[in-house]
Amino acid sequence: MATKIKATIINTTANKVLGLTTKANDFALNTTEKVFTKSIDLTEKGVGLSAKLVKKGLKFSAKNQDVIFNTLETVKGKAVQFLAKSK
C-alpha cells in the first residue's frame, strides 16, 4: 500500500511538472512569436523609410547635378568668350 501511495504521489507530481513545463513552453513560444512578428514589422518599416530616403537622395543628387552642369556650361561659355577676345 505504501508503494501505491508513493506511485500516486510521483504520478501527481510528474503531471504537475508536465503541466507547468507545458505552460512555460507555451509562454516562451508565444513571447518568441510576438518578438519575431514585431521585429519583422519594424524591419518592414525601416526598409520602407530607407527606400523613401534613397528616392529623395537621388532626386536631390539629380538637382545638384543639373546645377553643377548648368554652372559649368556658363563658365565654359564665358571662358570661350574670354579666350576669343584675348586672341
N, C-alpha and C. Protein backbone atom coordinates (compact mmCIF):
# COMPACT_ATOMS: atom_id res chain seq x y z
N MET A 1 0.81 -1.19 0.00
CA MET A 1 0.00 0.00 0.00
C MET A 1 0.86 1.26 0.00
N ALA A 2 1.96 1.24 0.72
CA ALA A 2 2.86 2.38 0.76
C ALA A 2 3.45 2.63 -0.61
N THR A 3 3.68 1.54 -1.34
CA THR A 3 4.23 1.69 -2.70
C THR A 3 3.21 2.34 -3.61
N LYS A 4 1.94 1.99 -3.43
CA LYS A 4 0.87 2.57 -4.25
C LYS A 4 0.73 4.07 -3.97
N ILE A 5 0.84 4.46 -2.72
CA ILE A 5 0.73 5.87 -2.35
C ILE A 5 1.92 6.64 -2.94
N LYS A 6 3.13 6.04 -2.87
CA LYS A 6 4.31 6.68 -3.43
C LYS A 6 4.16 6.84 -4.95
N ALA A 7 3.62 5.81 -5.60
CA ALA A 7 3.42 5.87 -7.04
C ALA A 7 2.41 6.95 -7.39
N THR A 8 1.36 7.10 -6.60
CA THR A 8 0.35 8.12 -6.83
C THR A 8 0.96 9.51 -6.64
N ILE A 9 1.75 9.68 -5.59
CA ILE A 9 2.40 10.97 -5.34
C ILE A 9 3.36 11.29 -6.49
N ILE A 10 4.12 10.31 -6.93
CA ILE A 10 5.07 10.52 -8.04
C ILE A 10 4.32 10.88 -9.32
N ASN A 11 3.23 10.17 -9.60
CA ASN A 11 2.44 10.47 -10.80
C ASN A 11 1.83 11.87 -10.72
N THR A 12 1.30 12.22 -9.56
CA THR A 12 0.70 13.54 -9.39
C THR A 12 1.75 14.63 -9.58
N THR A 13 2.90 14.44 -8.96
CA THR A 13 3.98 15.41 -9.09
C THR A 13 4.46 15.50 -10.54
N ALA A 14 4.61 14.36 -11.19
CA ALA A 14 5.05 14.34 -12.59
C ALA A 14 4.04 15.05 -13.47
N ASN A 15 2.77 14.85 -13.23
CA ASN A 15 1.73 15.53 -14.01
C ASN A 15 1.76 17.04 -13.79
N LYS A 16 1.97 17.45 -12.52
CA LYS A 16 2.07 18.88 -12.23
C LYS A 16 3.28 19.50 -12.93
N VAL A 17 4.41 18.80 -12.86
CA VAL A 17 5.63 19.29 -13.52
C VAL A 17 5.41 19.37 -15.03
N LEU A 18 4.78 18.36 -15.58
CA LEU A 18 4.49 18.35 -17.02
C LEU A 18 3.57 19.51 -17.39
N GLY A 19 2.57 19.76 -16.56
CA GLY A 19 1.66 20.88 -16.81
C GLY A 19 2.39 22.22 -16.74
N LEU A 20 3.23 22.40 -15.73
CA LEU A 20 3.99 23.64 -15.59
C LEU A 20 4.98 23.80 -16.75
N THR A 21 5.60 22.71 -17.15
CA THR A 21 6.53 22.77 -18.27
C THR A 21 5.81 23.13 -19.55
N THR A 22 4.64 22.58 -19.75
CA THR A 22 3.84 22.89 -20.94
C THR A 22 3.44 24.36 -20.95
N LYS A 23 3.04 24.88 -19.78
CA LYS A 23 2.68 26.31 -19.69
C LYS A 23 3.89 27.19 -19.98
N ALA A 24 5.03 26.82 -19.41
CA ALA A 24 6.25 27.60 -19.64
C ALA A 24 6.65 27.56 -21.12
N ASN A 25 6.52 26.41 -21.74
CA ASN A 25 6.84 26.26 -23.16
C ASN A 25 5.90 27.10 -24.02
N ASP A 26 4.60 27.05 -23.71
CA ASP A 26 3.62 27.85 -24.45
C ASP A 26 3.92 29.34 -24.30
N PHE A 27 4.25 29.76 -23.08
CA PHE A 27 4.59 31.16 -22.84
C PHE A 27 5.81 31.57 -23.66
N ALA A 28 6.83 30.72 -23.65
CA ALA A 28 8.05 31.02 -24.40
C ALA A 28 7.76 31.10 -25.90
N LEU A 29 6.96 30.18 -26.41
CA LEU A 29 6.61 30.20 -27.83
C LEU A 29 5.82 31.44 -28.20
N ASN A 30 4.84 31.79 -27.39
CA ASN A 30 4.04 32.99 -27.65
C ASN A 30 4.89 34.26 -27.60
N THR A 31 5.76 34.34 -26.60
CA THR A 31 6.62 35.51 -26.48
C THR A 31 7.57 35.61 -27.67
N THR A 32 8.15 34.49 -28.07
CA THR A 32 9.05 34.48 -29.22
C THR A 32 8.32 34.88 -30.49
N GLU A 33 7.10 34.40 -30.65
CA GLU A 33 6.31 34.75 -31.83
C GLU A 33 6.01 36.25 -31.86
N LYS A 34 5.65 36.82 -30.70
CA LYS A 34 5.38 38.26 -30.63
C LYS A 34 6.63 39.08 -30.97
N VAL A 35 7.76 38.68 -30.40
CA VAL A 35 9.02 39.40 -30.65
C VAL A 35 9.39 39.30 -32.12
N PHE A 36 9.27 38.11 -32.69
CA PHE A 36 9.61 37.90 -34.09
C PHE A 36 8.70 38.70 -35.01
N THR A 37 7.41 38.71 -34.72
CA THR A 37 6.45 39.47 -35.53
C THR A 37 6.74 40.96 -35.44
N LYS A 38 7.01 41.45 -34.24
CA LYS A 38 7.33 42.87 -34.06
C LYS A 38 8.62 43.22 -34.80
N SER A 39 9.60 42.35 -34.74
CA SER A 39 10.86 42.59 -35.44
C SER A 39 10.64 42.68 -36.94
N ILE A 40 9.82 41.81 -37.48
CA ILE A 40 9.54 41.84 -38.92
C ILE A 40 8.81 43.13 -39.27
N ASP A 41 7.84 43.54 -38.46
CA ASP A 41 7.11 44.79 -38.72
C ASP A 41 8.05 45.99 -38.71
N LEU A 42 8.93 46.05 -37.72
CA LEU A 42 9.87 47.17 -37.63
C LEU A 42 10.86 47.15 -38.80
N THR A 43 11.28 45.97 -39.21
CA THR A 43 12.19 45.86 -40.35
C THR A 43 11.51 46.33 -41.62
N GLU A 44 10.24 45.96 -41.80
CA GLU A 44 9.50 46.41 -42.98
C GLU A 44 9.38 47.93 -42.98
N LYS A 45 9.09 48.52 -41.84
CA LYS A 45 9.00 49.98 -41.75
C LYS A 45 10.35 50.62 -42.06
N GLY A 46 11.42 50.03 -41.54
CA GLY A 46 12.75 50.55 -41.80
C GLY A 46 13.13 50.48 -43.28
N VAL A 47 12.76 49.39 -43.93
CA VAL A 47 13.04 49.25 -45.36
C VAL A 47 12.24 50.28 -46.15
N GLY A 48 10.99 50.48 -45.77
CA GLY A 48 10.16 51.49 -46.44
C GLY A 48 10.74 52.89 -46.28
N LEU A 49 11.17 53.21 -45.07
CA LEU A 49 11.77 54.51 -44.81
C LEU A 49 13.07 54.68 -45.59
N SER A 50 13.87 53.64 -45.62
CA SER A 50 15.13 53.69 -46.37
C SER A 50 14.86 53.91 -47.85
N ALA A 51 13.86 53.24 -48.39
CA ALA A 51 13.53 53.42 -49.81
C ALA A 51 13.12 54.86 -50.10
N LYS A 52 12.32 55.44 -49.20
CA LYS A 52 11.92 56.84 -49.38
C LYS A 52 13.13 57.77 -49.32
N LEU A 53 14.02 57.52 -48.37
CA LEU A 53 15.21 58.36 -48.25
C LEU A 53 16.12 58.24 -49.46
N VAL A 54 16.25 57.04 -49.99
CA VAL A 54 17.08 56.85 -51.19
C VAL A 54 16.47 57.59 -52.37
N LYS A 55 15.15 57.50 -52.53
CA LYS A 55 14.49 58.21 -53.63
C LYS A 55 14.70 59.72 -53.50
N LYS A 56 14.50 60.25 -52.30
CA LYS A 56 14.71 61.68 -52.09
C LYS A 56 16.17 62.06 -52.32
N GLY A 57 17.08 61.21 -51.89
CA GLY A 57 18.50 61.47 -52.10
C GLY A 57 18.86 61.48 -53.57
N LEU A 58 18.26 60.57 -54.34
CA LEU A 58 18.52 60.55 -55.78
C LEU A 58 17.96 61.79 -56.47
N LYS A 59 16.78 62.21 -56.05
CA LYS A 59 16.20 63.43 -56.62
C LYS A 59 17.09 64.64 -56.29
N PHE A 60 17.56 64.71 -55.06
CA PHE A 60 18.43 65.80 -54.64
C PHE A 60 19.73 65.78 -55.44
N SER A 61 20.30 64.59 -55.62
CA SER A 61 21.53 64.47 -56.40
C SER A 61 21.32 64.89 -57.84
N ALA A 62 20.18 64.52 -58.40
CA ALA A 62 19.89 64.92 -59.79
C ALA A 62 19.79 66.43 -59.91
N LYS A 63 19.13 67.07 -58.95
CA LYS A 63 19.03 68.53 -58.97
C LYS A 63 20.40 69.18 -58.85
N ASN A 64 21.23 68.67 -57.93
CA ASN A 64 22.58 69.20 -57.77
C ASN A 64 23.41 69.00 -59.03
N GLN A 65 23.24 67.85 -59.64
CA GLN A 65 23.98 67.58 -60.87
C GLN A 65 23.58 68.57 -61.97
N ASP A 66 22.29 68.84 -62.07
CA ASP A 66 21.82 69.82 -63.06
C ASP A 66 22.42 71.20 -62.78
N VAL A 67 22.43 71.60 -61.51
CA VAL A 67 23.00 72.90 -61.14
C VAL A 67 24.48 72.95 -61.51
N ILE A 68 25.20 71.90 -61.19
CA ILE A 68 26.64 71.86 -61.49
C ILE A 68 26.88 71.95 -63.00
N PHE A 69 26.14 71.16 -63.78
CA PHE A 69 26.34 71.19 -65.23
C PHE A 69 25.94 72.53 -65.84
N ASN A 70 24.88 73.13 -65.31
CA ASN A 70 24.49 74.47 -65.79
C ASN A 70 25.60 75.48 -65.48
N THR A 71 26.16 75.39 -64.29
CA THR A 71 27.25 76.29 -63.91
C THR A 71 28.46 76.06 -64.81
N LEU A 72 28.79 74.81 -65.05
CA LEU A 72 29.92 74.50 -65.93
C LEU A 72 29.70 75.03 -67.35
N GLU A 73 28.48 74.90 -67.84
CA GLU A 73 28.15 75.41 -69.17
C GLU A 73 28.32 76.94 -69.21
N THR A 74 27.88 77.60 -68.16
CA THR A 74 28.02 79.06 -68.08
C THR A 74 29.49 79.45 -68.05
N VAL A 75 30.27 78.78 -67.22
CA VAL A 75 31.70 79.07 -67.12
C VAL A 75 32.38 78.78 -68.45
N LYS A 76 32.00 77.70 -69.08
CA LYS A 76 32.56 77.34 -70.39
C LYS A 76 32.27 78.44 -71.42
N GLY A 77 31.04 78.91 -71.45
CA GLY A 77 30.66 79.97 -72.38
C GLY A 77 31.47 81.24 -72.14
N LYS A 78 31.62 81.60 -70.88
CA LYS A 78 32.40 82.80 -70.53
C LYS A 78 33.86 82.61 -70.90
N ALA A 79 34.39 81.41 -70.66
CA ALA A 79 35.79 81.15 -70.98
C ALA A 79 36.01 81.22 -72.48
N VAL A 80 35.08 80.67 -73.25
CA VAL A 80 35.20 80.72 -74.71
C VAL A 80 35.17 82.17 -75.19
N GLN A 81 34.27 82.96 -74.62
CA GLN A 81 34.20 84.38 -74.99
C GLN A 81 35.49 85.11 -74.63
N PHE A 82 36.03 84.83 -73.42
CA PHE A 82 37.23 85.49 -72.97
C PHE A 82 38.44 85.11 -73.84
N LEU A 83 38.50 83.79 -74.15
CA LEU A 83 39.62 83.33 -74.97
C LEU A 83 39.54 83.89 -76.39
N ALA A 84 38.33 84.02 -76.92
CA ALA A 84 38.17 84.58 -78.27
C ALA A 84 38.59 86.04 -78.29
N LYS A 85 38.28 86.79 -77.23
CA LYS A 85 38.65 88.21 -77.17
C LYS A 85 40.15 88.41 -76.96
N SER A 86 40.76 87.47 -76.23
CA SER A 86 42.18 87.64 -75.90
C SER A 86 43.10 87.30 -77.06
N LYS A 87 42.62 86.68 -78.11
CA LYS A 87 43.47 86.31 -79.25
C LYS A 87 43.72 87.45 -80.10
